[in-house]
Amino acid sequence: MRSMKYSKMFPGTQKNAPKDAIAVNHKLLVRAGYIDQLMAGSWTLLPLGMKVVAKISDIIRREMNAVGSLEIAQPLMHPKEIWNETGRWEKAAEVMYQLKDSRKREFALSFTHEEIIMDLVRKFAPSYKDLPLSLYQFTTKFRNETRPQGGILRGREFMMKDAYSLHTSEADLMAFYEIMKQAYLKIFERVGLEVKVTEASGGVFTENRTHEFQAVAEAGEDTIYFCEKCNWAENKEIFRVGEAVNKCPKCGEGKILDARAIEVGNIFPLGKGYAEKMNAFYTDKDGSKKPMWFGSYGIGTSRLMGAVVEVFHDAKGIKWPEAVAPFQIYLVSLGAGDPEMRKAGEIYSLLQKEGIEVLWDETDRGAGEKFADADLIGIPVRLVVSPKTGDKIEWKRRESDKAELIDAREAIMRLNNYK
């Protein structure tokens, strides 16, 4: 639904944050009606939350398509046998949800899809002509977090975009790896986040060094170190204080700074190991069988929503960037008279015809309550129709304290310029 009346919104806003909420995203996303907690680490995306995550996903999808990646959807329950091929049934057991069915067969709920992608591609016995190949999907992931925290930033299940690429050589893999790195930077720029590309370890995915995309925020659970002058950055896991001597090891000039940050994406150059363990080969020009080179690329879409809130908020509520806001306009009608309601209805219809997303608060609540909700929900522009506005409407941007009277056409022109 592109536009909506407030009276039809589910579930509405709440005056108080949950008692156990510490993180800003937990407090504000629950109060504003974007998410609801089922249990620790498990969240329902409510209609407003779905709209935000859908917009984030659309931005990601556009950039994935632009680099030639193809969208698929894979199962979320995986047989143990596939995970045994790489040894990760045991190696990743701490983060995996492992279960048995009534016939004692063992399965895992997807915490990632490397093995499942590799199994898919090997079935079709690719030749060198079929590579490179990149596939991506939007799915739910499951991680056995012992202490899920930070609201929607770290959960036991969450929404994720994961992409994978397969290649005939390391050089081709690393060339595509750089393409994906730039695509990720475009994604975060469009979402409105400034991120630092930070070198990191591979964890349970690979022994190679990998890269994280970190958004600086006080609520971040990671500590990163970065150069004040160049683009060098490392996370705390691999940072070597003694060797750095507080000077950048890359440019030799910049001072090394540290900050708390939220990991909003990561990319992994996985090499040949997965293919070698799973007998996933391609046929080369000379007819010989060779293992495919493999890369993995992830963005937690629901986590990204939480990260945006951690960066863009104030004491009154959320301040959504234009690209991911659930609506462009929060339309408020004040006064009990028919003229105001009629005019607000006409503006609501006009905005819809122009393709502008609008949430119309047409309820009989007081001005203070309506304005408080407008700030809490965080829609970029508030328009007010009241007896005081006459034949004009009041325009106010969420990040500004200044309001001005303009006509409806001027409002539409401004909104179209923001698209």
Protein backbone atom coordinates (compact mmCIF):
# COMPACT_ATOMS: atom_id res chain seq x y z
CA MET A 1 0.00 0.00 0.00
CA ARG A 2 1.67 3.20 -1.17
CA SER A 3 -0.52 5.53 0.93
CA MET A 4 -2.56 5.02 4.07
CA LYS A 5 -4.87 6.69 6.54
CA TYR A 6 -3.65 6.73 10.13
CA SER A 7 -6.89 5.18 11.38
CA LYS A 8 -6.11 2.08 9.30
CA MET A 9 -2.53 1.74 10.53
CA PHE A 10 -1.62 -1.33 12.57
CA PRO A 11 -0.70 -1.34 15.41
CA GLY A 12 -0.28 2.40 16.02
CA THR A 13 2.29 4.08 18.25
CA GLN A 14 3.11 3.48 21.92
CA LYS A 15 3.91 6.10 24.54
CA ASN A 16 6.50 4.04 26.37
CA ALA A 17 9.45 1.93 25.24
CA PRO A 18 9.78 -1.69 26.43
CA LYS A 19 11.25 -1.88 29.93
CA ASP A 20 14.19 -4.00 28.79
CA ALA A 21 15.06 -1.78 25.82
CA ILE A 22 18.54 -0.28 25.90
CA ALA A 23 19.39 0.33 22.24
CA VAL A 24 17.83 3.34 20.54
CA ASN A 25 16.55 1.24 17.61
CA HIS A 26 14.78 -1.11 20.06
CA LYS A 27 13.04 1.77 21.82
CA LEU A 28 12.05 3.78 18.77
CA LEU A 29 11.15 1.03 16.31
CA VAL A 30 8.84 -0.58 18.88
CA ARG A 31 7.28 2.70 20.03
CA ALA A 32 6.72 3.90 16.45
CA GLY A 33 5.08 0.64 15.38
CA TYR A 34 7.75 -0.80 13.06
CA ILE A 35 8.60 -4.03 14.91
CA ASP A 36 7.33 -6.25 17.71
CA GLN A 37 9.27 -8.79 19.77
CA LEU A 38 8.07 -12.38 19.92
CA MET A 39 10.95 -13.56 22.13
CA ALA A 40 14.60 -12.70 22.64
CA GLY A 41 16.20 -12.27 19.22
CA SER A 42 12.97 -12.84 17.28
CA TRP A 43 11.04 -9.96 15.73
CA THR A 44 7.87 -9.37 13.74
CA LEU A 45 8.21 -6.78 11.00
CA LEU A 46 4.99 -4.77 11.23
CA PRO A 47 3.53 -2.98 8.16
CA LEU A 48 5.69 0.14 8.60
CA GLY A 49 8.78 -2.01 9.15
CA MET A 50 7.99 -4.06 6.06
CA LYS A 51 7.80 -0.88 3.98
CA VAL A 52 11.25 0.24 5.17
CA VAL A 53 12.87 -3.16 4.62
CA ALA A 54 11.20 -3.42 1.19
CA LYS A 55 12.77 -0.10 0.20
CA ILE A 56 16.16 -1.22 1.47
CA SER A 57 15.75 -4.45 -0.49
CA ASP A 58 14.80 -2.57 -3.66
CA ILE A 59 17.98 -0.49 -3.40
CA ILE A 60 20.07 -3.63 -2.92
CA ARG A 61 18.28 -5.49 -5.72
CA ARG A 62 18.98 -2.68 -8.18
CA GLU A 63 22.71 -2.74 -7.44
CA MET A 64 22.92 -6.55 -7.51
CA ASN A 65 21.18 -6.61 -10.89
CA ALA A 66 23.52 -3.87 -12.14
CA VAL A 67 26.59 -6.09 -11.54
CA GLY A 68 24.94 -9.04 -13.30
CA SER A 69 23.93 -11.07 -10.26
CA LEU A 70 20.81 -13.22 -10.73
CA GLU A 71 18.08 -13.51 -8.07
CA ILE A 72 16.99 -16.90 -6.72
CA ALA A 73 15.35 -18.29 -3.57
CA GLN A 74 16.73 -21.35 -1.78
CA PRO A 75 15.41 -23.59 1.02
CA LEU A 76 16.04 -22.62 4.62
CA MET A 77 16.31 -26.18 6.00
CA HIS A 78 19.40 -28.06 4.87
CA PRO A 79 20.42 -31.72 5.14
CA LYS A 80 23.35 -32.49 7.41
CA GLU A 81 25.16 -34.35 4.63
CA ILE A 82 25.88 -31.17 2.66
CA TRP A 83 27.34 -29.40 5.68
CA ASN A 84 29.46 -32.47 6.43
CA GLU A 85 31.19 -32.10 3.07
CA THR A 86 32.98 -28.95 4.23
CA GLY A 87 33.21 -29.90 7.89
CA ARG A 88 31.07 -26.99 8.98
CA TRP A 89 28.41 -29.18 10.62
CA GLU A 90 30.91 -29.46 13.47
CA LYS A 91 32.91 -26.27 12.96
CA ALA A 92 29.86 -23.96 12.94
CA ALA A 93 27.80 -25.96 15.45
CA GLU A 94 27.81 -23.13 18.00
CA VAL A 95 25.97 -20.73 15.68
CA MET A 96 23.86 -23.32 13.83
CA TYR A 97 20.39 -24.50 14.76
CA GLN A 98 20.61 -28.26 14.25
CA LEU A 99 17.55 -30.50 14.52
CA LYS A 100 16.12 -33.95 13.82
CA ASP A 101 12.84 -34.94 12.23
CA SER A 102 10.58 -37.82 13.31
CA ARG A 103 12.69 -40.24 11.25
CA LYS A 104 15.89 -39.15 13.04
CA ARG A 105 17.24 -37.40 9.93
CA GLU A 106 19.38 -34.39 10.80
CA PHE A 107 19.01 -30.90 9.38
CA ALA A 108 20.22 -27.35 9.92
CA LEU A 109 18.36 -24.07 9.67
CA SER A 110 20.27 -21.77 7.33
CA PHE A 111 22.74 -19.47 9.01
CA THR A 112 24.30 -18.99 5.55
CA HIS A 113 24.10 -20.67 2.11
CA GLU A 114 27.64 -21.31 0.81
CA GLU A 115 27.33 -25.09 0.74
CA ILE A 116 23.80 -24.91 -0.68
CA ILE A 117 24.86 -22.61 -3.51
CA MET A 118 27.87 -24.78 -4.32
CA ASP A 119 25.67 -27.87 -4.38
CA LEU A 120 23.24 -26.14 -6.73
CA VAL A 121 25.88 -25.06 -9.24
CA ARG A 122 27.79 -28.36 -9.30
CA LYS A 123 24.61 -30.21 -10.34
CA PHE A 124 24.74 -28.44 -13.69
CA ALA A 125 28.41 -29.32 -14.41
CA PRO A 126 29.42 -25.85 -15.62
CA SER A 127 32.11 -25.24 -18.21
CA TYR A 128 34.42 -22.25 -18.36
CA LYS A 129 31.88 -20.66 -20.72
CA ASP A 130 29.27 -20.59 -17.91
CA LEU A 131 31.54 -18.66 -15.55
CA PRO A 132 31.66 -16.21 -13.91
CA LEU A 133 28.27 -16.70 -12.32
CA SER A 134 26.72 -14.69 -9.50
CA LEU A 135 23.49 -15.54 -7.65
CA TYR A 136 21.72 -13.70 -4.84
CA GLN A 137 18.63 -14.02 -2.66
CA PHE A 138 16.63 -12.38 0.12
CA THR A 139 15.95 -14.93 2.87
CA THR A 140 15.64 -15.44 6.60
CA LYS A 141 18.81 -16.50 8.38
CA PHE A 142 19.06 -18.25 11.76
CA ARG A 143 21.97 -17.75 14.18
CA ASN A 144 22.15 -19.34 17.62
CA GLU A 145 23.08 -16.13 19.42
CA THR A 146 23.60 -16.79 23.11
CA ARG A 147 22.89 -13.16 23.98
CA PRO A 148 20.77 -11.50 21.30
CA GLN A 149 20.78 -7.79 22.01
CA GLY A 150 20.70 -4.33 20.53
CA GLY A 151 17.08 -4.54 19.40
CA ILE A 152 16.93 -5.66 15.80
CA LEU A 153 20.72 -5.34 15.35
CA ARG A 154 21.48 -8.86 16.57
CA GLY A 155 18.83 -11.54 16.48
CA ARG A 156 18.42 -15.28 16.34
CA GLU A 157 16.58 -14.91 13.05
CA PHE A 158 16.74 -11.99 10.65
CA MET A 159 16.27 -10.99 7.04
CA MET A 160 19.33 -10.98 4.81
CA LYS A 161 20.49 -10.52 1.26
CA ASP A 162 23.24 -13.00 0.50
CA ALA A 163 25.06 -13.16 -2.82
CA TYR A 164 27.64 -15.61 -4.18
CA SER A 165 29.96 -15.68 -7.16
CA LEU A 166 31.85 -18.51 -8.91
CA HIS A 167 34.88 -18.06 -11.12
CA THR A 168 37.55 -19.85 -13.15
CA SER A 169 40.50 -18.07 -11.50
CA GLU A 170 41.56 -16.14 -8.44
CA ALA A 171 42.15 -13.06 -10.58
CA ASP A 172 38.58 -13.17 -11.87
CA LEU A 173 37.23 -13.69 -8.35
CA MET A 174 39.15 -10.72 -6.96
CA ALA A 175 38.14 -8.49 -9.88
CA PHE A 176 34.48 -9.27 -9.15
CA TYR A 177 35.14 -8.89 -5.42
CA GLU A 178 36.15 -5.27 -6.06
CA ILE A 179 33.05 -4.74 -8.21
CA MET A 180 30.88 -5.98 -5.36
CA LYS A 181 32.74 -3.79 -2.89
CA GLN A 182 31.86 -0.74 -4.98
CA ALA A 183 28.27 -1.94 -5.37
CA TYR A 184 27.99 -2.19 -1.58
CA LEU A 185 29.34 1.33 -1.17
CA LYS A 186 26.65 2.56 -3.59
CA ILE A 187 23.98 0.70 -1.62
CA PHE A 188 24.94 2.27 1.69
CA GLU A 189 25.29 5.70 0.13
CA ARG A 190 21.78 5.42 -1.31
CA VAL A 191 20.41 4.23 2.04
CA GLY A 192 22.00 7.31 3.62
CA LEU A 193 24.78 5.70 5.67
CA GLU A 194 28.44 6.63 5.64
CA VAL A 195 30.45 3.44 6.08
CA LYS A 196 34.07 2.45 6.46
CA VAL A 197 35.39 -0.60 4.60
CA THR A 198 37.20 -2.47 7.36
CA GLU A 199 39.54 -5.43 7.02
CA ALA A 200 38.51 -8.37 9.19
CA SER A 201 39.03 -12.08 9.82
CA GLY A 202 37.00 -14.75 8.05
CA GLY A 203 35.46 -16.40 11.14
CA VAL A 204 33.79 -19.72 10.32
CA PHE A 205 33.64 -18.80 6.62
CA THR A 206 37.28 -18.66 5.51
CA GLU A 207 40.88 -18.38 6.66
CA ASN A 208 41.33 -15.43 4.29
CA ARG A 209 41.03 -11.81 5.33
CA THR A 210 37.62 -10.35 4.54
CA HIS A 211 35.99 -6.91 4.53
CA GLU A 212 33.24 -5.48 6.69
CA PHE A 213 31.19 -2.36 6.02
CA GLN A 214 30.97 -0.52 9.33
CA ALA A 215 28.69 2.41 10.17
CA VAL A 216 30.08 4.48 13.03
CA ALA A 217 27.53 4.60 15.88
CA GLU A 218 27.65 4.63 19.68
CA ALA A 219 25.39 1.58 19.81
CA GLY A 220 27.83 -0.47 17.73
CA GLU A 221 29.07 -3.72 19.22
CA ASP A 222 32.28 -3.60 17.15
CA THR A 223 35.36 -1.48 17.66
CA ILE A 224 37.14 -0.35 14.50
CA TYR A 225 40.42 1.44 13.94
CA PHE A 226 40.82 3.74 10.95
CA CYS A 227 43.12 6.34 9.46
CA GLU A 228 42.05 9.98 9.67
CA LYS A 229 43.56 10.68 6.22
CA CYS A 230 43.23 7.59 3.98
CA ASN A 231 40.81 4.66 3.66
CA TRP A 232 42.76 2.17 5.81
CA ALA A 233 40.65 0.47 8.50
CA GLU A 234 40.74 -2.73 10.57
CA ASN A 235 38.43 -4.20 13.16
CA LYS A 236 39.49 -4.95 16.71
CA GLU A 237 39.95 -8.69 16.06
CA ILE A 238 42.96 -8.21 13.78
CA PHE A 239 44.26 -4.78 14.81
CA ARG A 240 47.85 -4.89 16.02
CA VAL A 241 48.53 -1.93 18.29
CA GLY A 242 52.26 -2.50 18.66
CA GLU A 243 52.92 -2.57 14.94
CA ALA A 244 50.73 0.42 14.15
CA VAL A 245 52.46 2.83 16.62
CA ASN A 246 49.47 5.13 16.18
CA LYS A 247 50.45 5.91 12.57
CA CYS A 248 48.62 4.57 9.56
CA PRO A 249 50.43 1.51 8.10
CA LYS A 250 49.10 2.40 4.64
CA CYS A 251 49.80 6.11 4.14
CA GLY A 252 52.29 6.56 7.02
CA GLU A 253 50.88 9.98 7.83
CA GLY A 254 47.41 9.78 9.27
CA LYS A 255 46.66 9.28 12.94
CA ILE A 256 44.80 6.09 13.81
CA LEU A 257 41.42 6.71 15.41
CA ASP A 258 39.00 4.27 16.98
CA ALA A 259 35.22 4.21 17.15
CA ARG A 260 32.26 2.02 17.96
CA ALA A 261 30.52 0.80 14.82
CA ILE A 262 27.69 -1.37 13.50
CA GLU A 263 28.58 -3.97 10.88
CA VAL A 264 25.99 -3.54 8.10
CA GLY A 265 27.57 -5.76 5.44
CA ASN A 266 30.47 -8.08 4.71
CA ILE A 267 32.19 -9.70 1.75
CA PHE A 268 34.33 -12.85 1.71
CA PRO A 269 36.89 -14.08 -0.87
CA LEU A 270 36.46 -17.79 -0.13
CA GLY A 271 38.94 -19.21 -2.62
CA LYS A 272 38.86 -22.83 -3.86
CA GLY A 273 38.36 -24.60 -0.54
CA TYR A 274 34.60 -25.08 -0.77
CA ALA A 275 34.79 -26.42 -4.32
CA GLU A 276 37.65 -28.78 -3.51
CA LYS A 277 35.86 -30.24 -0.49
CA MET A 278 32.54 -30.57 -2.36
CA ASN A 279 33.98 -31.79 -5.69
CA ALA A 280 32.45 -28.77 -7.43
CA PHE A 281 34.40 -28.52 -10.66
CA TYR A 282 34.07 -26.72 -13.96
CA THR A 283 35.39 -27.99 -17.31
CA ASP A 284 38.24 -25.89 -18.69
CA LYS A 285 39.02 -25.22 -22.38
CA ASP A 286 41.24 -28.30 -22.56
CA GLY A 287 38.55 -30.54 -21.04
CA SER A 288 40.18 -30.80 -17.61
CA LYS A 289 38.21 -30.51 -14.39
CA LYS A 290 39.14 -27.65 -12.07
CA PRO A 291 37.65 -26.35 -8.79
CA MET A 292 35.64 -23.14 -8.94
CA TRP A 293 36.79 -20.03 -7.12
CA PHE A 294 34.15 -18.76 -4.74
CA GLY A 295 33.02 -15.45 -3.16
CA SER A 296 30.28 -14.58 -0.67
CA TYR A 297 28.62 -11.20 -0.03
CA GLY A 298 26.05 -10.40 2.70
CA ILE A 299 23.85 -7.55 3.93
CA GLY A 300 21.38 -7.98 6.79
CA THR A 301 18.36 -6.01 5.55
CA SER A 302 16.45 -5.93 8.84
CA ARG A 303 19.69 -5.21 10.71
CA LEU A 304 20.33 -2.34 8.31
CA MET A 305 16.98 -0.79 9.26
CA GLY A 306 18.08 -0.81 12.89
CA ALA A 307 21.46 0.68 12.02
CA VAL A 308 19.82 3.55 10.14
CA VAL A 309 17.73 4.36 13.22
CA GLU A 310 20.83 4.31 15.44
CA VAL A 311 22.43 6.92 13.17
CA PHE A 312 19.36 9.00 12.29
CA HIS A 313 17.30 9.95 15.34
CA ASP A 314 16.84 12.64 17.95
CA ALA A 315 15.06 12.94 21.29
CA LYS A 316 11.68 13.07 19.53
CA GLY A 317 12.04 9.97 17.38
CA ILE A 318 13.31 8.58 14.09
CA LYS A 319 14.60 10.75 11.21
CA TRP A 320 14.42 8.50 8.13
CA PRO A 321 16.57 9.31 5.08
CA GLU A 322 14.37 9.95 2.03
CA ALA A 323 15.24 6.71 0.25
CA VAL A 324 14.05 4.33 2.98
CA ALA A 325 11.23 6.24 4.71
CA PRO A 326 7.93 4.32 4.75
CA PHE A 327 6.14 7.40 3.39
CA GLN A 328 7.31 10.71 1.97
CA ILE A 329 4.60 12.78 3.64
CA TYR A 330 2.87 12.81 7.02
CA LEU A 331 -0.33 14.74 6.30
CA VAL A 332 -2.09 16.17 9.35
CA SER A 333 -5.60 17.59 9.33
CA LEU A 334 -6.54 19.76 12.33
CA GLY A 335 -9.92 21.16 13.25
CA ALA A 336 -13.28 19.46 13.37
CA GLY A 337 -14.81 21.47 10.53
CA ASP A 338 -15.82 19.99 7.18
CA PRO A 339 -13.72 22.51 5.16
CA GLU A 340 -10.46 21.30 6.70
CA MET A 341 -11.30 17.63 6.27
CA ARG A 342 -12.44 18.22 2.71
CA LYS A 343 -9.29 20.13 1.84
CA ALA A 344 -7.06 17.52 3.48
CA GLY A 345 -8.87 14.80 1.55
CA GLU A 346 -8.31 16.68 -1.71
CA ILE A 347 -4.59 17.04 -0.95
CA TYR A 348 -4.39 13.36 -0.01
CA SER A 349 -5.92 12.40 -3.36
CA LEU A 350 -3.70 14.85 -5.25
CA LEU A 351 -0.53 13.48 -3.65
CA GLN A 352 -1.59 9.93 -4.48
CA LYS A 353 -2.20 10.85 -8.13
CA GLU A 354 1.31 12.30 -8.26
CA GLY A 355 2.73 9.00 -7.03
CA ILE A 356 3.74 10.47 -3.67
CA GLU A 357 3.51 8.17 -0.65
CA VAL A 358 1.50 9.76 2.14
CA LEU A 359 0.29 8.81 5.61
CA TRP A 360 -2.78 10.93 6.42
CA ASP A 361 -3.58 11.42 10.09
CA GLU A 362 -7.29 12.07 9.70
CA THR A 363 -8.16 11.10 13.28
CA ASP A 364 -9.82 13.45 15.78
CA ARG A 365 -6.82 13.48 18.12
CA GLY A 366 -5.28 16.74 19.29
CA ALA A 367 -2.53 18.62 17.46
CA GLY A 368 0.10 17.83 20.10
CA GLU A 369 -0.48 14.09 19.87
CA LYS A 370 -0.46 14.14 16.07
CA PHE A 371 2.74 16.18 15.88
CA ALA A 372 4.43 13.92 18.45
CA ASP A 373 3.57 10.88 16.33
CA ALA A 374 4.85 12.60 13.19
CA ASP A 375 8.23 13.12 14.88
CA LEU A 376 8.32 9.63 16.40
CA ILE A 377 7.48 7.81 13.15
CA GLY A 378 10.06 9.95 11.39
CA ILE A 379 8.58 10.62 7.94
CA PRO A 380 10.70 13.26 6.13
CA VAL A 381 8.01 15.93 5.54
CA ARG A 382 4.99 16.98 7.58
CA LEU A 383 2.09 18.82 5.91
CA VAL A 384 -0.63 20.43 8.04
CA VAL A 385 -4.11 21.57 7.02
CA SER A 386 -5.93 23.62 9.65
CA PRO A 387 -8.20 26.66 10.01
CA LYS A 388 -5.03 28.75 10.40
CA THR A 389 -3.47 27.65 7.09
CA GLY A 390 -6.34 29.03 4.99
CA ASP A 391 -5.87 28.21 1.31
CA LYS A 392 -2.25 27.14 1.98
CA ILE A 393 -0.68 24.15 3.72
CA GLU A 394 2.04 24.15 6.35
CA TRP A 395 5.29 22.51 5.22
CA LYS A 396 7.90 21.29 7.73
CA ARG A 397 10.82 18.93 7.24
CA ARG A 398 11.51 16.41 10.01
CA GLU A 399 15.06 17.64 10.66
CA SER A 400 14.03 21.31 10.81
CA ASP A 401 12.21 23.44 13.39
CA LYS A 402 11.08 25.85 10.68
CA ALA A 403 7.58 25.62 9.22
CA GLU A 404 6.28 27.64 6.26
CA LEU A 405 3.03 28.13 4.40
CA ILE A 406 3.02 27.08 0.74
CA ASP A 407 0.44 25.96 -1.78
CA ALA A 408 -0.15 22.33 -2.74
CA ARG A 409 1.57 22.60 -6.14
CA GLU A 410 4.71 24.01 -4.54
CA ALA A 411 4.72 21.06 -2.12
CA ILE A 412 4.44 18.58 -5.01
CA MET A 413 7.24 20.29 -6.91
CA ARG A 414 9.52 20.09 -3.87
CA LEU A 415 8.66 16.44 -3.30
CA ASN A 416 9.33 15.51 -6.91
CA ASN A 417 12.76 17.14 -6.60
CA TYR A 418 13.57 14.80 -3.70
CA LYS A 419 12.72 11.65 -5.67
